[in-house]
mmCIF file of all heavy atoms, coordinates in Angstrom:
data_MODEL
# 
_entry.id   MODEL 
# 
loop_
_atom_site.group_PDB 
_atom_site.id 
_atom_site.type_symbol 
_atom_site.label_atom_id 
_atom_site.label_alt_id 
_atom_site.label_comp_id 
_atom_site.label_asym_id 
_atom_site.label_entity_id 
_atom_site.label_seq_id 
_atom_site.pdbx_PDB_ins_code 
_atom_site.Cartn_x 
_atom_site.Cartn_y 
_atom_site.Cartn_z 
_atom_site.occupancy 
_atom_site.B_iso_or_equiv 
_atom_site.pdbx_formal_charge 
_atom_site.auth_seq_id 
_atom_site.auth_comp_id 
_atom_site.auth_asym_id 
_atom_site.auth_atom_id 
_atom_site.pdbx_PDB_model_num 
ATOM 1   N N   . VAL A 1 1  ? 0.170   -9.862  -12.242 1.00 0.00 ? 1  VAL A N   1 
ATOM 2   C CA  . VAL A 1 1  ? 0.592   -11.114 -11.795 1.00 0.00 ? 1  VAL A CA  1 
ATOM 3   C C   . VAL A 1 1  ? -0.057  -12.146 -12.584 1.00 0.00 ? 1  VAL A C   1 
ATOM 4   O O   . VAL A 1 1  ? -1.320  -12.266 -12.739 1.00 0.00 ? 1  VAL A O   1 
ATOM 5   C CB  . VAL A 1 1  ? 0.021   -11.285 -10.292 1.00 0.00 ? 1  VAL A CB  1 
ATOM 6   C CG1 . VAL A 1 1  ? 0.335   -12.669 -9.756  1.00 0.00 ? 1  VAL A CG1 1 
ATOM 7   C CG2 . VAL A 1 1  ? 0.667   -10.207 -9.421  1.00 0.00 ? 1  VAL A CG2 1 
ATOM 8   N N   . ASP A 1 2  ? 0.802   -13.057 -13.197 1.00 0.00 ? 2  ASP A N   1 
ATOM 9   C CA  . ASP A 1 2  ? 0.447   -14.165 -13.966 1.00 0.00 ? 2  ASP A CA  1 
ATOM 10  C C   . ASP A 1 2  ? -0.600  -13.783 -15.073 1.00 0.00 ? 2  ASP A C   1 
ATOM 11  O O   . ASP A 1 2  ? -1.605  -14.458 -15.152 1.00 0.00 ? 2  ASP A O   1 
ATOM 12  C CB  . ASP A 1 2  ? -0.136  -15.343 -13.109 1.00 0.00 ? 2  ASP A CB  1 
ATOM 13  C CG  . ASP A 1 2  ? 0.852   -15.783 -12.173 1.00 0.00 ? 2  ASP A CG  1 
ATOM 14  O OD1 . ASP A 1 2  ? 1.991   -15.821 -12.428 1.00 0.00 ? 2  ASP A OD1 1 
ATOM 15  O OD2 . ASP A 1 2  ? 0.385   -16.192 -10.939 1.00 0.00 ? 2  ASP A OD2 1 
ATOM 16  N N   . GLY A 1 3  ? -0.347  -12.669 -15.766 1.00 0.00 ? 3  GLY A N   1 
ATOM 17  C CA  . GLY A 1 3  ? -1.235  -12.324 -16.838 1.00 0.00 ? 3  GLY A CA  1 
ATOM 18  C C   . GLY A 1 3  ? -2.472  -11.459 -16.456 1.00 0.00 ? 3  GLY A C   1 
ATOM 19  O O   . GLY A 1 3  ? -3.271  -11.110 -17.273 1.00 0.00 ? 3  GLY A O   1 
ATOM 20  N N   . GLN A 1 4  ? -2.741  -11.367 -15.144 1.00 0.00 ? 4  GLN A N   1 
ATOM 21  C CA  . GLN A 1 4  ? -3.799  -10.573 -14.628 1.00 0.00 ? 4  GLN A CA  1 
ATOM 22  C C   . GLN A 1 4  ? -3.351  -9.287  -13.908 1.00 0.00 ? 4  GLN A C   1 
ATOM 23  O O   . GLN A 1 4  ? -2.325  -9.161  -13.381 1.00 0.00 ? 4  GLN A O   1 
ATOM 24  C CB  . GLN A 1 4  ? -4.629  -11.423 -13.616 1.00 0.00 ? 4  GLN A CB  1 
ATOM 25  C CG  . GLN A 1 4  ? -5.149  -12.726 -14.180 1.00 0.00 ? 4  GLN A CG  1 
ATOM 26  C CD  . GLN A 1 4  ? -5.976  -13.452 -13.175 1.00 0.00 ? 4  GLN A CD  1 
ATOM 27  O OE1 . GLN A 1 4  ? -5.623  -13.555 -12.006 1.00 0.00 ? 4  GLN A OE1 1 
ATOM 28  N NE2 . GLN A 1 4  ? -7.257  -13.840 -13.539 1.00 0.00 ? 4  GLN A NE2 1 
ATOM 29  N N   . THR A 1 5  ? -4.181  -8.395  -13.929 1.00 0.00 ? 5  THR A N   1 
ATOM 30  C CA  . THR A 1 5  ? -4.108  -7.102  -13.108 1.00 0.00 ? 5  THR A CA  1 
ATOM 31  C C   . THR A 1 5  ? -4.631  -7.166  -11.865 1.00 0.00 ? 5  THR A C   1 
ATOM 32  O O   . THR A 1 5  ? -5.927  -7.346  -11.747 1.00 0.00 ? 5  THR A O   1 
ATOM 33  C CB  . THR A 1 5  ? -4.572  -5.849  -13.976 1.00 0.00 ? 5  THR A CB  1 
ATOM 34  O OG1 . THR A 1 5  ? -3.938  -5.804  -15.283 1.00 0.00 ? 5  THR A OG1 1 
ATOM 35  C CG2 . THR A 1 5  ? -4.297  -4.601  -13.176 1.00 0.00 ? 5  THR A CG2 1 
ATOM 36  N N   . ILE A 1 6  ? -3.867  -7.176  -10.803 1.00 0.00 ? 6  ILE A N   1 
ATOM 37  C CA  . ILE A 1 6  ? -4.391  -7.289  -9.412  1.00 0.00 ? 6  ILE A CA  1 
ATOM 38  C C   . ILE A 1 6  ? -4.674  -5.866  -8.901  1.00 0.00 ? 6  ILE A C   1 
ATOM 39  O O   . ILE A 1 6  ? -3.872  -4.968  -8.870  1.00 0.00 ? 6  ILE A O   1 
ATOM 40  C CB  . ILE A 1 6  ? -3.277  -7.911  -8.515  1.00 0.00 ? 6  ILE A CB  1 
ATOM 41  C CG1 . ILE A 1 6  ? -2.980  -9.307  -9.018  1.00 0.00 ? 6  ILE A CG1 1 
ATOM 42  C CG2 . ILE A 1 6  ? -3.911  -7.994  -7.085  1.00 0.00 ? 6  ILE A CG2 1 
ATOM 43  C CD1 . ILE A 1 6  ? -4.063  -10.171 -9.058  1.00 0.00 ? 6  ILE A CD1 1 
ATOM 44  N N   . ARG A 1 7  ? -5.984  -5.693  -8.421  1.00 0.00 ? 7  ARG A N   1 
ATOM 45  C CA  . ARG A 1 7  ? -6.513  -4.543  -7.868  1.00 0.00 ? 7  ARG A CA  1 
ATOM 46  C C   . ARG A 1 7  ? -6.817  -4.846  -6.356  1.00 0.00 ? 7  ARG A C   1 
ATOM 47  O O   . ARG A 1 7  ? -7.204  -5.900  -6.050  1.00 0.00 ? 7  ARG A O   1 
ATOM 48  C CB  . ARG A 1 7  ? -7.687  -3.925  -8.470  1.00 0.00 ? 7  ARG A CB  1 
ATOM 49  C CG  . ARG A 1 7  ? -7.421  -3.695  -10.018 1.00 0.00 ? 7  ARG A CG  1 
ATOM 50  C CD  . ARG A 1 7  ? -8.657  -3.074  -10.722 1.00 0.00 ? 7  ARG A CD  1 
ATOM 51  N NE  . ARG A 1 7  ? -8.300  -2.833  -12.190 1.00 0.00 ? 7  ARG A NE  1 
ATOM 52  C CZ  . ARG A 1 7  ? -7.764  -1.825  -12.669 1.00 0.00 ? 7  ARG A CZ  1 
ATOM 53  N NH1 . ARG A 1 7  ? -7.448  -0.805  -11.718 1.00 0.00 ? 7  ARG A NH1 1 
ATOM 54  N NH2 . ARG A 1 7  ? -7.508  -1.651  -13.962 1.00 0.00 ? 7  ARG A NH2 1 
ATOM 55  N N   . PHE A 1 8  ? -6.555  -3.853  -5.666  1.00 0.00 ? 8  PHE A N   1 
ATOM 56  C CA  . PHE A 1 8  ? -6.759  -4.109  -4.072  1.00 0.00 ? 8  PHE A CA  1 
ATOM 57  C C   . PHE A 1 8  ? -8.000  -3.471  -3.472  1.00 0.00 ? 8  PHE A C   1 
ATOM 58  O O   . PHE A 1 8  ? -8.239  -2.335  -3.770  1.00 0.00 ? 8  PHE A O   1 
ATOM 59  C CB  . PHE A 1 8  ? -5.475  -3.528  -3.448  1.00 0.00 ? 8  PHE A CB  1 
ATOM 60  C CG  . PHE A 1 8  ? -4.244  -4.270  -3.891  1.00 0.00 ? 8  PHE A CG  1 
ATOM 61  C CD1 . PHE A 1 8  ? -3.331  -3.650  -4.763  1.00 0.00 ? 8  PHE A CD1 1 
ATOM 62  C CD2 . PHE A 1 8  ? -3.910  -5.623  -3.430  1.00 0.00 ? 8  PHE A CD2 1 
ATOM 63  C CE1 . PHE A 1 8  ? -2.166  -4.240  -5.171  1.00 0.00 ? 8  PHE A CE1 1 
ATOM 64  C CE2 . PHE A 1 8  ? -2.755  -6.200  -3.891  1.00 0.00 ? 8  PHE A CE2 1 
ATOM 65  C CZ  . PHE A 1 8  ? -1.948  -5.607  -4.786  1.00 0.00 ? 8  PHE A CZ  1 
ATOM 66  N N   . ASP A 1 9  ? -8.592  -4.225  -2.557  1.00 0.00 ? 9  ASP A N   1 
ATOM 67  C CA  . ASP A 1 9  ? -9.739  -3.693  -1.884  1.00 0.00 ? 9  ASP A CA  1 
ATOM 68  C C   . ASP A 1 9  ? -9.363  -2.920  -0.765  1.00 0.00 ? 9  ASP A C   1 
ATOM 69  O O   . ASP A 1 9  ? -10.249 -2.028  -0.213  1.00 0.00 ? 9  ASP A O   1 
ATOM 70  C CB  . ASP A 1 9  ? -10.590 -4.975  -1.497  1.00 0.00 ? 9  ASP A CB  1 
ATOM 71  C CG  . ASP A 1 9  ? -11.082 -5.725  -2.645  1.00 0.00 ? 9  ASP A CG  1 
ATOM 72  O OD1 . ASP A 1 9  ? -11.944 -5.141  -3.420  1.00 0.00 ? 9  ASP A OD1 1 
ATOM 73  O OD2 . ASP A 1 9  ? -10.826 -6.992  -2.703  1.00 0.00 ? 9  ASP A OD2 1 
ATOM 74  N N   . ALA A 1 10 ? -8.259  -3.198  -0.080  1.00 0.00 ? 10 ALA A N   1 
ATOM 75  C CA  . ALA A 1 10 ? -7.784  -2.354  1.079   1.00 0.00 ? 10 ALA A CA  1 
ATOM 76  C C   . ALA A 1 10 ? -6.353  -2.575  1.225   1.00 0.00 ? 10 ALA A C   1 
ATOM 77  O O   . ALA A 1 10 ? -5.634  -3.454  0.605   1.00 0.00 ? 10 ALA A O   1 
ATOM 78  C CB  . ALA A 1 10 ? -8.538  -2.834  2.403   1.00 0.00 ? 10 ALA A CB  1 
ATOM 79  N N   . VAL A 1 11 ? -5.701  -1.726  2.038   1.00 0.00 ? 11 VAL A N   1 
ATOM 80  C CA  . VAL A 1 11 ? -4.272  -1.853  2.217   1.00 0.00 ? 11 VAL A CA  1 
ATOM 81  C C   . VAL A 1 11 ? -3.934  -1.896  3.693   1.00 0.00 ? 11 VAL A C   1 
ATOM 82  O O   . VAL A 1 11 ? -4.491  -1.080  4.514   1.00 0.00 ? 11 VAL A O   1 
ATOM 83  C CB  . VAL A 1 11 ? -3.601  -0.397  1.697   1.00 0.00 ? 11 VAL A CB  1 
ATOM 84  C CG1 . VAL A 1 11 ? -2.010  -0.552  2.029   1.00 0.00 ? 11 VAL A CG1 1 
ATOM 85  C CG2 . VAL A 1 11 ? -3.790  -0.270  0.262   1.00 0.00 ? 11 VAL A CG2 1 
ATOM 86  N N   . LEU A 1 12 ? -3.138  -2.896  4.206   1.00 0.00 ? 12 LEU A N   1 
ATOM 87  C CA  . LEU A 1 12 ? -2.631  -3.022  5.535   1.00 0.00 ? 12 LEU A CA  1 
ATOM 88  C C   . LEU A 1 12 ? -1.240  -2.424  5.592   1.00 0.00 ? 12 LEU A C   1 
ATOM 89  O O   . LEU A 1 12 ? -0.267  -2.862  5.019   1.00 0.00 ? 12 LEU A O   1 
ATOM 90  C CB  . LEU A 1 12 ? -2.623  -4.578  5.811   1.00 0.00 ? 12 LEU A CB  1 
ATOM 91  C CG  . LEU A 1 12 ? -1.843  -4.866  7.181   1.00 0.00 ? 12 LEU A CG  1 
ATOM 92  C CD1 . LEU A 1 12 ? -2.748  -4.300  8.317   1.00 0.00 ? 12 LEU A CD1 1 
ATOM 93  C CD2 . LEU A 1 12 ? -1.932  -6.409  7.224   1.00 0.00 ? 12 LEU A CD2 1 
ATOM 94  N N   . ILE A 1 13 ? -1.232  -1.269  6.294   1.00 0.00 ? 13 ILE A N   1 
ATOM 95  C CA  . ILE A 1 13 ? -0.040  -0.435  6.320   1.00 0.00 ? 13 ILE A CA  1 
ATOM 96  C C   . ILE A 1 13 ? 0.911   -0.974  7.348   1.00 0.00 ? 13 ILE A C   1 
ATOM 97  O O   . ILE A 1 13 ? 0.531   -0.883  8.522   1.00 0.00 ? 13 ILE A O   1 
ATOM 98  C CB  . ILE A 1 13 ? -0.328  0.961   6.411   1.00 0.00 ? 13 ILE A CB  1 
ATOM 99  C CG1 . ILE A 1 13 ? -1.111  1.480   5.184   1.00 0.00 ? 13 ILE A CG1 1 
ATOM 100 C CG2 . ILE A 1 13 ? 0.968   1.875   6.632   1.00 0.00 ? 13 ILE A CG2 1 
ATOM 101 C CD1 . ILE A 1 13 ? -1.449  2.994   5.216   1.00 0.00 ? 13 ILE A CD1 1 
ATOM 102 N N   . GLY A 1 14 ? 2.111   -1.248  7.037   1.00 0.00 ? 14 GLY A N   1 
ATOM 103 C CA  . GLY A 1 14 ? 3.198   -1.792  7.938   1.00 0.00 ? 14 GLY A CA  1 
ATOM 104 C C   . GLY A 1 14 ? 4.481   -0.966  7.859   1.00 0.00 ? 14 GLY A C   1 
ATOM 105 O O   . GLY A 1 14 ? 5.524   -1.582  8.166   1.00 0.00 ? 14 GLY A O   1 
ATOM 106 N N   . ILE A 1 15 ? 4.434   0.141   7.311   1.00 0.00 ? 15 ILE A N   1 
ATOM 107 C CA  . ILE A 1 15 ? 5.662   0.985   7.108   1.00 0.00 ? 15 ILE A CA  1 
ATOM 108 C C   . ILE A 1 15 ? 5.745   1.936   8.286   1.00 0.00 ? 15 ILE A C   1 
ATOM 109 O O   . ILE A 1 15 ? 4.896   2.859   8.545   1.00 0.00 ? 15 ILE A O   1 
ATOM 110 C CB  . ILE A 1 15 ? 5.701   1.654   5.800   1.00 0.00 ? 15 ILE A CB  1 
ATOM 111 C CG1 . ILE A 1 15 ? 5.665   0.765   4.635   1.00 0.00 ? 15 ILE A CG1 1 
ATOM 112 C CG2 . ILE A 1 15 ? 6.722   2.739   5.755   1.00 0.00 ? 15 ILE A CG2 1 
ATOM 113 C CD1 . ILE A 1 15 ? 5.599   1.477   3.287   1.00 0.00 ? 15 ILE A CD1 1 
ATOM 114 N N   . HIS A 1 16 ? 6.906   1.852   9.083   1.00 0.00 ? 16 HIS A N   1 
ATOM 115 C CA  . HIS A 1 16 ? 7.235   2.801   9.981   1.00 0.00 ? 16 HIS A CA  1 
ATOM 116 C C   . HIS A 1 16 ? 8.014   4.002   9.401   1.00 0.00 ? 16 HIS A C   1 
ATOM 117 O O   . HIS A 1 16 ? 8.975   3.676   8.461   1.00 0.00 ? 16 HIS A O   1 
ATOM 118 C CB  . HIS A 1 16 ? 7.958   2.203   11.160  1.00 0.00 ? 16 HIS A CB  1 
ATOM 119 C CG  . HIS A 1 16 ? 7.312   0.947   11.636  1.00 0.00 ? 16 HIS A CG  1 
ATOM 120 N ND1 . HIS A 1 16 ? 6.167   0.965   12.282  1.00 0.00 ? 16 HIS A ND1 1 
ATOM 121 C CD2 . HIS A 1 16 ? 7.772   -0.343  11.694  1.00 0.00 ? 16 HIS A CD2 1 
ATOM 122 C CE1 . HIS A 1 16 ? 5.803   -0.359  12.452  1.00 0.00 ? 16 HIS A CE1 1 
ATOM 123 N NE2 . HIS A 1 16 ? 6.747   -1.090  12.241  1.00 0.00 ? 16 HIS A NE2 1 
ATOM 124 N N   . GLY A 1 17 ? 7.906   5.190   9.834   1.00 0.00 ? 17 GLY A N   1 
ATOM 125 C CA  . GLY A 1 17 ? 8.570   6.343   9.167   1.00 0.00 ? 17 GLY A CA  1 
ATOM 126 C C   . GLY A 1 17 ? 7.871   6.644   7.760   1.00 0.00 ? 17 GLY A C   1 
ATOM 127 O O   . GLY A 1 17 ? 6.779   6.188   7.481   1.00 0.00 ? 17 GLY A O   1 
ATOM 128 N N   . THR A 1 18 ? 8.577   7.539   7.123   1.00 0.00 ? 18 THR A N   1 
ATOM 129 C CA  . THR A 1 18 ? 8.024   7.968   5.822   1.00 0.00 ? 18 THR A CA  1 
ATOM 130 C C   . THR A 1 18 ? 8.100   6.916   4.699   1.00 0.00 ? 18 THR A C   1 
ATOM 131 O O   . THR A 1 18 ? 9.199   6.027   4.778   1.00 0.00 ? 18 THR A O   1 
ATOM 132 C CB  . THR A 1 18 ? 8.812   9.184   5.298   1.00 0.00 ? 18 THR A CB  1 
ATOM 133 O OG1 . THR A 1 18 ? 8.127   9.678   4.150   1.00 0.00 ? 18 THR A OG1 1 
ATOM 134 C CG2 . THR A 1 18 ? 10.208  8.951   4.984   1.00 0.00 ? 18 THR A CG2 1 
ATOM 135 N N   . PRO A 1 19 ? 7.218   6.615   3.822   1.00 0.00 ? 19 PRO A N   1 
ATOM 136 C CA  . PRO A 1 19 ? 6.080   7.478   3.588   1.00 0.00 ? 19 PRO A CA  1 
ATOM 137 C C   . PRO A 1 19 ? 4.718   6.852   4.146   1.00 0.00 ? 19 PRO A C   1 
ATOM 138 O O   . PRO A 1 19 ? 3.689   7.235   3.868   1.00 0.00 ? 19 PRO A O   1 
ATOM 139 C CB  . PRO A 1 19 ? 5.906   7.458   2.068   1.00 0.00 ? 19 PRO A CB  1 
ATOM 140 C CG  . PRO A 1 19 ? 6.380   6.013   1.729   1.00 0.00 ? 19 PRO A CG  1 
ATOM 141 C CD  . PRO A 1 19 ? 7.529   5.814   2.653   1.00 0.00 ? 19 PRO A CD  1 
ATOM 142 N N   . GLY A 1 20 ? 4.898   5.842   5.110   1.00 0.00 ? 20 GLY A N   1 
ATOM 143 C CA  . GLY A 1 20 ? 3.752   5.081   5.552   1.00 0.00 ? 20 GLY A CA  1 
ATOM 144 C C   . GLY A 1 20 ? 3.185   5.602   6.867   1.00 0.00 ? 20 GLY A C   1 
ATOM 145 O O   . GLY A 1 20 ? 2.073   5.267   7.248   1.00 0.00 ? 20 GLY A O   1 
ATOM 146 N N   . GLU A 1 21 ? 3.963   6.455   7.576   1.00 0.00 ? 21 GLU A N   1 
ATOM 147 C CA  . GLU A 1 21 ? 3.458   6.924   8.906   1.00 0.00 ? 21 GLU A CA  1 
ATOM 148 C C   . GLU A 1 21 ? 3.202   8.397   8.929   1.00 0.00 ? 21 GLU A C   1 
ATOM 149 O O   . GLU A 1 21 ? 2.734   8.842   9.812   1.00 0.00 ? 21 GLU A O   1 
ATOM 150 C CB  . GLU A 1 21 ? 4.436   6.466   10.030  1.00 0.00 ? 21 GLU A CB  1 
ATOM 151 C CG  . GLU A 1 21 ? 3.898   6.390   11.333  1.00 0.00 ? 21 GLU A CG  1 
ATOM 152 C CD  . GLU A 1 21 ? 4.865   5.780   12.366  1.00 0.00 ? 21 GLU A CD  1 
ATOM 153 O OE1 . GLU A 1 21 ? 5.950   5.370   11.871  1.00 0.00 ? 21 GLU A OE1 1 
ATOM 154 O OE2 . GLU A 1 21 ? 4.433   5.668   13.498  1.00 0.00 ? 21 GLU A OE2 1 
ATOM 155 N N   . ASP A 1 22 ? 3.660   9.127   7.852   1.00 0.00 ? 22 ASP A N   1 
ATOM 156 C CA  . ASP A 1 22 ? 3.571   10.626  7.842   1.00 0.00 ? 22 ASP A CA  1 
ATOM 157 C C   . ASP A 1 22 ? 2.457   11.186  7.108   1.00 0.00 ? 22 ASP A C   1 
ATOM 158 O O   . ASP A 1 22 ? 2.396   12.320  6.779   1.00 0.00 ? 22 ASP A O   1 
ATOM 159 C CB  . ASP A 1 22 ? 4.859   11.121  7.559   1.00 0.00 ? 22 ASP A CB  1 
ATOM 160 C CG  . ASP A 1 22 ? 5.362   10.587  6.165   1.00 0.00 ? 22 ASP A CG  1 
ATOM 161 O OD1 . ASP A 1 22 ? 4.647   9.895   5.494   1.00 0.00 ? 22 ASP A OD1 1 
ATOM 162 O OD2 . ASP A 1 22 ? 6.508   11.110  5.699   1.00 0.00 ? 22 ASP A OD2 1 
ATOM 163 N N   . GLY A 1 23 ? 1.571   10.315  6.589   1.00 0.00 ? 23 GLY A N   1 
ATOM 164 C CA  . GLY A 1 23 ? 0.472   10.740  5.715   1.00 0.00 ? 23 GLY A CA  1 
ATOM 165 C C   . GLY A 1 23 ? 0.595   10.763  4.266   1.00 0.00 ? 23 GLY A C   1 
ATOM 166 O O   . GLY A 1 23 ? -0.432  10.966  3.497   1.00 0.00 ? 23 GLY A O   1 
ATOM 167 N N   . LYS A 1 24 ? 1.842   10.566  3.800   1.00 0.00 ? 24 LYS A N   1 
ATOM 168 C CA  . LYS A 1 24 ? 1.945   10.538  2.342   1.00 0.00 ? 24 LYS A CA  1 
ATOM 169 C C   . LYS A 1 24 ? 1.396   9.433   1.603   1.00 0.00 ? 24 LYS A C   1 
ATOM 170 O O   . LYS A 1 24 ? 0.638   9.609   0.654   1.00 0.00 ? 24 LYS A O   1 
ATOM 171 C CB  . LYS A 1 24 ? 3.565   10.640  1.952   1.00 0.00 ? 24 LYS A CB  1 
ATOM 172 C CG  . LYS A 1 24 ? 4.259   11.723  2.421   1.00 0.00 ? 24 LYS A CG  1 
ATOM 173 C CD  . LYS A 1 24 ? 5.652   11.778  1.965   1.00 0.00 ? 24 LYS A CD  1 
ATOM 174 C CE  . LYS A 1 24 ? 6.540   12.953  2.477   1.00 0.00 ? 24 LYS A CE  1 
ATOM 175 N NZ  . LYS A 1 24 ? 6.730   13.198  3.812   1.00 0.00 ? 24 LYS A NZ  1 
ATOM 176 N N   . LEU A 1 25 ? 1.498   8.235   2.000   1.00 0.00 ? 25 LEU A N   1 
ATOM 177 C CA  . LEU A 1 25 ? 0.794   7.020   1.375   1.00 0.00 ? 25 LEU A CA  1 
ATOM 178 C C   . LEU A 1 25 ? -0.706  7.215   1.595   1.00 0.00 ? 25 LEU A C   1 
ATOM 179 O O   . LEU A 1 25 ? -1.425  6.854   0.767   1.00 0.00 ? 25 LEU A O   1 
ATOM 180 C CB  . LEU A 1 25 ? 1.310   5.778   1.942   1.00 0.00 ? 25 LEU A CB  1 
ATOM 181 C CG  . LEU A 1 25 ? 2.486   5.094   1.346   1.00 0.00 ? 25 LEU A CG  1 
ATOM 182 C CD1 . LEU A 1 25 ? 2.808   3.767   1.959   1.00 0.00 ? 25 LEU A CD1 1 
ATOM 183 C CD2 . LEU A 1 25 ? 2.337   5.094   -0.202  1.00 0.00 ? 25 LEU A CD2 1 
ATOM 184 N N   . GLN A 1 26 ? -1.000  7.715   2.764   1.00 0.00 ? 26 GLN A N   1 
ATOM 185 C CA  . GLN A 1 26 ? -2.528  7.864   3.085   1.00 0.00 ? 26 GLN A CA  1 
ATOM 186 C C   . GLN A 1 26 ? -3.146  8.789   2.064   1.00 0.00 ? 26 GLN A C   1 
ATOM 187 O O   . GLN A 1 26 ? -4.297  8.537   1.562   1.00 0.00 ? 26 GLN A O   1 
ATOM 188 C CB  . GLN A 1 26 ? -2.704  8.350   4.540   1.00 0.00 ? 26 GLN A CB  1 
ATOM 189 C CG  . GLN A 1 26 ? -2.413  7.246   5.578   1.00 0.00 ? 26 GLN A CG  1 
ATOM 190 C CD  . GLN A 1 26 ? -0.915  7.099   5.902   1.00 0.00 ? 26 GLN A CD  1 
ATOM 191 O OE1 . GLN A 1 26 ? -0.108  7.777   5.348   1.00 0.00 ? 26 GLN A OE1 1 
ATOM 192 N NE2 . GLN A 1 26 ? -0.635  6.209   6.738   1.00 0.00 ? 26 GLN A NE2 1 
# 
């Protein structure tokens, strides 16, 4: 983003169904 590499401290999961609710993303 804008010449920088954004790294994340945590993830707020808002996906219903696969892959956010079935363990794949986790």
